[in-house]
Each structure stands twice: as C-alpha cells, then as structure tokens.
Amino acid sequence: MGRGLIRFVWWSLRGRWEHLVILWVGFVCIIICASLLGGLTDLSTLTT
C-alpha cells in the first residue's frame, strides 16, 4: 500500500517542480525545528 501512495504522490507532482521544491523546503524546516526543539528540551533539563 505504501508504494501505491508514493506512486500517486509522484504522479500528482509530475511536472510541478515548484510544488515539489516547496514541499521539500517545508519538510526540511520541520526537521530542523524538531531537532532544535529537542535540543532545547535536553538543554533545559541539564541546567535545572
């Protein structure tokens, strides 16, 4: 089922490279924000 979903997403984004770039930039921003939030949580537990 996962492969079918990936194929559908790839088919729907075909020819729309600007949408794909925006999607990847958003994904990278989410990863960076989650990493920073996790690091700040670890830092706050160490200092208290």
PDB file of N, CA and C in Angstrom:
ATOM      1  N   MET A   1       0.821  -1.189   0.000  1.00  0.00           N
ATOM      2  CA  MET A   1       0.000   0.000   0.000  1.00  0.00           C
ATOM      3  C   MET A   1       0.869   1.260   0.000  1.00  0.00           C
ATOM      4  N   GLY A   2       2.023   1.213   0.660  1.00  0.00           N
ATOM      5  CA  GLY A   2       2.901   2.367   0.719  1.00  0.00           C
ATOM      6  C   GLY A   2       3.450   2.753  -0.643  1.00  0.00           C
ATOM      7  N   ARG A   3       3.771   1.742  -1.450  1.00  0.00           N
ATOM      8  CA  ARG A   3       4.296   2.035  -2.788  1.00  0.00           C
ATOM      9  C   ARG A   3       3.252   2.681  -3.671  1.00  0.00           C
ATOM     10  N   GLY A   4       2.023   2.259  -3.538  1.00  0.00           N
ATOM     11  CA  GLY A   4       0.952   2.865  -4.317  1.00  0.00           C
ATOM     12  C   GLY A   4       0.755   4.326  -3.963  1.00  0.00           C
ATOM     13  N   LEU A   5       0.888   4.629  -2.674  1.00  0.00           N
ATOM     14  CA  LEU A   5       0.754   6.015  -2.230  1.00  0.00           C
ATOM     15  C   LEU A   5       1.901   6.858  -2.767  1.00  0.00           C
ATOM     16  N   ILE A   6       3.109   6.305  -2.722  1.00  0.00           N
ATOM     17  CA  ILE A   6       4.269   7.032  -3.253  1.00  0.00           C
ATOM     18  C   ILE A   6       4.122   7.262  -4.749  1.00  0.00           C
ATOM     19  N   ARG A   7       3.644   6.284  -5.466  1.00  0.00           N
ATOM     20  CA  ARG A   7       3.423   6.443  -6.913  1.00  0.00           C
ATOM     21  C   ARG A   7       2.380   7.516  -7.194  1.00  0.00           C
ATOM     22  N   PHE A   8       1.309   7.527  -6.393  1.00  0.00           N
ATOM     23  CA  PHE A   8       0.268   8.529  -6.584  1.00  0.00           C
ATOM     24  C   PHE A   8       0.804   9.931  -6.330  1.00  0.00           C
ATOM     25  N   VAL A   9       1.571  10.089  -5.243  1.00  0.00           N
ATOM     26  CA  VAL A   9       2.138  11.404  -4.934  1.00  0.00           C
ATOM     27  C   VAL A   9       3.080  11.837  -6.049  1.00  0.00           C
ATOM     28  N   TRP A  10       3.936  10.919  -6.511  1.00  0.00           N
ATOM     29  CA  TRP A  10       4.878  11.252  -7.588  1.00  0.00           C
ATOM     30  C   TRP A  10       4.125  11.617  -8.864  1.00  0.00           C
ATOM     31  N   TRP A  11       3.048  10.880  -9.172  1.00  0.00           N
ATOM     32  CA  TRP A  11       2.268  11.162 -10.377  1.00  0.00           C
ATOM     33  C   TRP A  11       1.584  12.526 -10.275  1.00  0.00           C
ATOM     34  N   SER A  12       1.069  12.853  -9.087  1.00  0.00           N
ATOM     35  CA  SER A  12       0.355  14.119  -8.946  1.00  0.00           C
ATOM     36  C   SER A  12       1.301  15.312  -8.961  1.00  0.00           C
ATOM     37  N   LEU A  13       2.562  15.122  -8.567  1.00  0.00           N
ATOM     38  CA  LEU A  13       3.525  16.221  -8.569  1.00  0.00           C
ATOM     39  C   LEU A  13       4.345  16.282  -9.859  1.00  0.00           C
ATOM     40  N   ARG A  14       4.107  15.356 -10.757  1.00  0.00           N
ATOM     41  CA  ARG A  14       4.847  15.313 -12.015  1.00  0.00           C
ATOM     42  C   ARG A  14       4.598  16.588 -12.811  1.00  0.00           C
ATOM     43  N   GLY A  15       5.668  17.231 -13.219  1.00  0.00           N
ATOM     44  CA  GLY A  15       5.545  18.452 -13.990  1.00  0.00           C
ATOM     45  C   GLY A  15       5.328  19.695 -13.150  1.00  0.00           C
ATOM     46  N   ARG A  16       5.296  19.543 -11.850  1.00  0.00           N
ATOM     47  CA  ARG A  16       5.080  20.682 -10.947  1.00  0.00           C
ATOM     48  C   ARG A  16       6.277  20.787 -10.007  1.00  0.00           C
ATOM     49  N   TRP A  17       7.425  21.109 -10.571  1.00  0.00           N
ATOM     50  CA  TRP A  17       8.661  21.109  -9.786  1.00  0.00           C
ATOM     51  C   TRP A  17       8.652  22.161  -8.692  1.00  0.00           C
ATOM     52  N   GLU A  18       7.970  23.280  -8.935  1.00  0.00           N
ATOM     53  CA  GLU A  18       7.949  24.303  -7.883  1.00  0.00           C
ATOM     54  C   GLU A  18       7.191  23.816  -6.653  1.00  0.00           C
ATOM     55  N   HIS A  19       6.151  23.021  -6.847  1.00  0.00           N
ATOM     56  CA  HIS A  19       5.429  22.450  -5.706  1.00  0.00           C
ATOM     57  C   HIS A  19       6.310  21.454  -4.961  1.00  0.00           C
ATOM     58  N   LEU A  20       7.064  20.678  -5.718  1.00  0.00           N
ATOM     59  CA  LEU A  20       7.945  19.696  -5.105  1.00  0.00           C
ATOM     60  C   LEU A  20       9.043  20.376  -4.294  1.00  0.00           C
ATOM     61  N   VAL A  21       9.586  21.464  -4.819  1.00  0.00           N
ATOM     62  CA  VAL A  21      10.630  22.208  -4.096  1.00  0.00           C
ATOM     63  C   VAL A  21      10.060  22.807  -2.816  1.00  0.00           C
ATOM     64  N   ILE A  22       8.872  23.387  -2.890  1.00  0.00           N
ATOM     65  CA  ILE A  22       8.242  23.965  -1.702  1.00  0.00           C
ATOM     66  C   ILE A  22       7.964  22.878  -0.666  1.00  0.00           C
ATOM     67  N   LEU A  23       7.530  21.720  -1.119  1.00  0.00           N
ATOM     68  CA  LEU A  23       7.273  20.604  -0.214  1.00  0.00           C
ATOM     69  C   LEU A  23       8.543  20.170   0.507  1.00  0.00           C
ATOM     70  N   TRP A  24       9.656  20.056  -0.229  1.00  0.00           N
ATOM     71  CA  TRP A  24      10.922  19.649   0.382  1.00  0.00           C
ATOM     72  C   TRP A  24      11.454  20.713   1.330  1.00  0.00           C
ATOM     73  N   VAL A  25      11.319  21.977   0.981  1.00  0.00           N
ATOM     74  CA  VAL A  25      11.778  23.048   1.874  1.00  0.00           C
ATOM     75  C   VAL A  25      10.973  23.018   3.176  1.00  0.00           C
ATOM     76  N   GLY A  26       9.684  22.824   3.087  1.00  0.00           N
ATOM     77  CA  GLY A  26       8.860  22.715   4.284  1.00  0.00           C
ATOM     78  C   GLY A  26       9.232  21.514   5.132  1.00  0.00           C
ATOM     79  N   PHE A  27       9.514  20.392   4.473  1.00  0.00           N
ATOM     80  CA  PHE A  27       9.910  19.181   5.176  1.00  0.00           C
ATOM     81  C   PHE A  27      11.230  19.394   5.913  1.00  0.00           C
ATOM     82  N   VAL A  28      12.187  20.035   5.263  1.00  0.00           N
ATOM     83  CA  VAL A  28      13.484  20.314   5.894  1.00  0.00           C
ATOM     84  C   VAL A  28      13.304  21.275   7.069  1.00  0.00           C
ATOM     85  N   CYS A  29      12.446  22.278   6.928  1.00  0.00           N
ATOM     86  CA  CYS A  29      12.188  23.213   8.026  1.00  0.00           C
ATOM     87  C   CYS A  29      11.576  22.500   9.226  1.00  0.00           C
ATOM     88  N   ILE A  30      10.659  21.580   8.984  1.00  0.00           N
ATOM     89  CA  ILE A  30      10.055  20.820  10.074  1.00  0.00           C
ATOM     90  C   ILE A  30      11.108  19.989  10.792  1.00  0.00           C
ATOM     91  N   ILE A  31      12.000  19.353  10.035  1.00  0.00           N
ATOM     92  CA  ILE A  31      13.056  18.539  10.645  1.00  0.00           C
ATOM     93  C   ILE A  31      13.990  19.409  11.484  1.00  0.00           C
ATOM     94  N   ILE A  32      14.378  20.566  10.949  1.00  0.00           N
ATOM     95  CA  ILE A  32      15.281  21.453  11.684  1.00  0.00           C
ATOM     96  C   ILE A  32      14.615  21.964  12.960  1.00  0.00           C
ATOM     97  N   CYS A  33      13.359  22.376  12.863  1.00  0.00           N
ATOM     98  CA  CYS A  33      12.647  22.886  14.047  1.00  0.00           C
ATOM     99  C   CYS A  33      12.483  21.793  15.099  1.00  0.00           C
ATOM    100  N   ALA A  34      12.182  20.577  14.683  1.00  0.00           N
ATOM    101  CA  ALA A  34      12.031  19.477  15.644  1.00  0.00           C
ATOM    102  C   ALA A  34      13.364  19.174  16.320  1.00  0.00           C
ATOM    103  N   SER A  35      14.457  19.224  15.562  1.00  0.00           N
ATOM    104  CA  SER A  35      15.773  18.972  16.148  1.00  0.00           C
ATOM    105  C   SER A  35      16.150  20.061  17.142  1.00  0.00           C
ATOM    106  N   LEU A  36      15.882  21.314  16.781  1.00  0.00           N
ATOM    107  CA  LEU A  36      16.183  22.411  17.699  1.00  0.00           C
ATOM    108  C   LEU A  36      15.348  22.325  18.967  1.00  0.00           C
ATOM    109  N   LEU A  37      14.074  21.998  18.813  1.00  0.00           N
ATOM    110  CA  LEU A  37      13.204  21.880  19.978  1.00  0.00           C
ATOM    111  C   LEU A  37      13.669  20.748  20.886  1.00  0.00           C
ATOM    112  N   GLY A  38      14.058  19.635  20.312  1.00  0.00           N
ATOM    113  CA  GLY A  38      14.582  18.522  21.107  1.00  0.00           C
ATOM    114  C   GLY A  38      15.878  18.894  21.813  1.00  0.00           C
ATOM    115  N   GLY A  39      16.738  19.630  21.128  1.00  0.00           N
ATOM    116  CA  GLY A  39      17.987  20.081  21.750  1.00  0.00           C
ATOM    117  C   GLY A  39      17.743  21.055  22.876  1.00  0.00           C
ATOM    118  N   LEU A  40      16.799  21.965  22.702  1.00  0.00           N
ATOM    119  CA  LEU A  40      16.475  22.913  23.768  1.00  0.00           C
ATOM    120  C   LEU A  40      15.859  22.209  24.974  1.00  0.00           C
ATOM    121  N   THR A  41      15.079  21.173  24.716  1.00  0.00           N
ATOM    122  CA  THR A  41      14.491  20.417  25.818  1.00  0.00           C
ATOM    123  C   THR A  41      15.584  19.717  26.610  1.00  0.00           C
ATOM    124  N   ASP A  42      16.545  19.114  25.924  1.00  0.00           N
ATOM    125  CA  ASP A  42      17.656  18.458  26.612  1.00  0.00           C
ATOM    126  C   ASP A  42      18.487  19.474  27.386  1.00  0.00           C
ATOM    127  N   LEU A  43      18.701  20.639  26.802  1.00  0.00           N
ATOM    128  CA  LEU A  43      19.488  21.678  27.466  1.00  0.00           C
ATOM    129  C   LEU A  43      18.787  22.185  28.716  1.00  0.00           C
ATOM    130  N   SER A  44      17.482  22.350  28.654  1.00  0.00           N
ATOM    131  CA  SER A  44      16.760  22.863  29.826  1.00  0.00           C
ATOM    132  C   SER A  44      16.740  21.848  30.949  1.00  0.00           C
ATOM    133  N   THR A  45      16.737  20.561  30.642  1.00  0.00           N
ATOM    134  CA  THR A  45      16.753  19.554  31.705  1.00  0.00           C
ATOM    135  C   THR A  45      18.155  19.464  32.332  1.00  0.00           C
ATOM    136  N   LEU A  46      19.191  19.787  31.571  1.00  0.00           N
ATOM    137  CA  LEU A  46      20.535  19.747  32.124  1.00  0.00           C
ATOM    138  C   LEU A  46      20.787  20.939  33.049  1.00  0.00           C
ATOM    139  N   THR A  47      20.220  22.087  32.764  1.00  0.00           N
ATOM    140  CA  THR A  47      20.513  23.271  33.549  1.00  0.00           C
ATOM    141  C   THR A  47      19.654  23.381  34.804  1.00  0.00           C
ATOM    142  N   THR A  48      18.590  22.615  34.906  1.00  0.00           N
ATOM    143  CA  THR A  48      17.720  22.759  36.084  1.00  0.00           C
ATOM    144  C   THR A  48      18.146  21.863  37.210  1.00  0.00           C
TER     145      THR A  48
END
